Amino acid sequence: PRPTYSPEITVLYGLAANAGKRSVLLDVSPAEAAGRAAFEALVARVDVVVYNGTSDALERLGITPAELHRMNPNVVLSRFDAYGGPNEGKGERADHISYDDNLQAALG
């Protein structure tokens, strides 16, 4: 079965995992100028951008390492990957995104 990419699941997980933290939910797709401008302003001020997703998803959003470095030459892109591992694209779940609870359940 394919994983669910529901915004509601993302928000509910985020409420539990990020309680007490400041956060923002932005549509950073190239077609959304306001969200993209806010994202670029944030990237210009941070040290690290953390992402849980596939490389293909980053490319579709236009968030490549080169583009991030254009926004902030010192920024580091840190990608967490539950199933892809060092041989990205090789395993049966390499294109599935996940987080800790899903990974623990999958591993038993």
Protein backbone atom coordinates (compact mmCIF):
# COMPACT_ATOMS: atom_id res chain seq x y z
CA PRO A 1 0.00 0.00 0.00
CA ARG A 2 1.07 3.58 -0.69
CA PRO A 3 1.62 5.90 2.29
CA THR A 4 -0.85 8.67 3.05
CA TYR A 5 0.31 12.23 2.36
CA SER A 6 -2.55 13.98 4.13
CA PRO A 7 -2.02 17.56 5.40
CA GLU A 8 -4.20 16.67 8.41
CA ILE A 9 -1.82 13.88 9.44
CA THR A 10 1.16 16.20 9.05
CA VAL A 11 -0.48 18.88 11.18
CA LEU A 12 -1.62 16.44 13.90
CA TYR A 13 1.82 14.84 14.12
CA GLY A 14 3.40 18.30 14.16
CA LEU A 15 1.21 19.40 17.08
CA ALA A 16 2.39 16.43 19.13
CA ALA A 17 6.06 16.46 18.11
CA ASN A 18 6.59 20.20 18.12
CA ALA A 19 4.66 21.31 21.20
CA GLY A 20 6.14 24.52 22.61
CA LYS A 21 8.12 25.33 19.46
CA ARG A 22 7.50 28.22 17.09
CA SER A 23 6.50 27.05 13.62
CA VAL A 24 4.84 28.08 10.39
CA LEU A 25 3.07 26.08 7.68
CA LEU A 26 3.80 27.47 4.20
CA ASP A 27 2.90 26.48 0.66
CA VAL A 28 6.35 26.84 -0.95
CA SER A 29 5.38 25.61 -4.39
CA PRO A 30 6.67 27.87 -7.16
CA ALA A 31 3.08 28.96 -7.98
CA GLU A 32 2.51 30.36 -4.48
CA ALA A 33 4.43 33.63 -4.47
CA ALA A 34 3.60 34.72 -0.90
CA GLY A 35 4.54 31.37 0.66
CA ARG A 36 7.67 31.15 -1.43
CA ALA A 37 8.74 34.70 -0.45
CA ALA A 38 8.21 33.90 3.25
CA PHE A 39 10.23 30.69 2.87
CA GLU A 40 13.10 32.52 1.17
CA ALA A 41 13.11 35.16 3.93
CA LEU A 42 13.31 32.41 6.56
CA VAL A 43 16.09 30.54 4.74
CA ALA A 44 18.11 33.76 4.59
CA ARG A 45 18.10 33.87 8.43
CA VAL A 46 18.69 30.22 9.41
CA ASP A 47 21.65 27.87 9.69
CA VAL A 48 19.90 24.59 8.77
CA VAL A 49 16.88 23.56 6.71
CA VAL A 50 15.54 20.16 7.85
CA TYR A 51 13.43 18.14 5.44
CA ASN A 52 11.65 14.79 5.61
CA GLY A 53 10.82 13.79 2.06
CA THR A 54 12.13 12.52 -1.23
CA SER A 55 14.67 14.20 -3.48
CA ASP A 56 12.02 14.27 -6.23
CA ALA A 57 9.68 16.27 -4.00
CA LEU A 58 12.43 18.81 -3.30
CA GLU A 59 13.10 19.20 -7.00
CA ARG A 60 9.40 19.68 -7.81
CA LEU A 61 9.33 22.51 -5.26
CA GLY A 62 12.51 24.04 -6.66
CA ILE A 63 14.30 23.53 -3.35
CA THR A 64 17.63 22.22 -4.50
CA PRO A 65 20.89 22.66 -2.61
CA ALA A 66 21.95 25.22 -5.24
CA GLU A 67 18.72 27.20 -4.80
CA LEU A 68 19.05 27.15 -0.99
CA HIS A 69 22.64 28.37 -1.28
CA ARG A 70 21.41 31.20 -3.51
CA MET A 71 19.09 32.23 -0.65
CA ASN A 72 21.77 31.76 2.02
CA PRO A 73 25.34 30.74 1.07
CA ASN A 74 25.95 29.21 4.52
CA VAL A 75 22.76 27.17 4.92
CA VAL A 76 22.95 23.39 5.41
CA LEU A 77 20.23 21.09 4.04
CA SER A 78 19.59 18.15 6.37
CA ARG A 79 17.32 15.44 5.01
CA PHE A 80 15.90 12.71 7.22
CA ASP A 81 14.97 9.58 5.33
CA ALA A 82 13.25 6.66 7.00
CA TYR A 83 13.48 4.03 4.28
CA GLY A 84 15.79 5.19 1.49
CA GLY A 85 19.08 5.07 3.34
CA PRO A 86 22.50 5.46 1.73
CA ASN A 87 21.37 3.57 -1.38
CA GLU A 88 18.45 5.88 -2.13
CA GLY A 89 16.04 4.47 -4.68
CA LYS A 90 17.09 0.83 -4.13
CA GLY A 91 14.68 -0.54 -1.52
CA GLU A 92 10.98 -1.38 -1.93
CA ARG A 93 10.03 1.58 0.29
CA ALA A 94 12.72 4.00 -0.86
CA ASP A 95 10.11 6.46 -2.16
CA HIS A 96 8.04 6.40 1.05
CA ILE A 97 8.33 9.27 3.48
CA SER A 98 7.95 8.54 7.17
CA TYR A 99 8.83 9.55 10.70
CA ASP A 100 9.96 7.77 13.83
CA ASP A 101 6.62 6.22 14.89
CA ASN A 102 6.02 4.68 11.44
CA LEU A 103 9.56 3.36 11.21
CA GLN A 104 9.36 1.74 14.65
CA ALA A 105 6.04 0.10 13.74
CA ALA A 106 7.46 -1.21 10.46
CA LEU A 107 10.45 -2.70 12.23
CA GLY A 108 8.35 -4.32 14.95
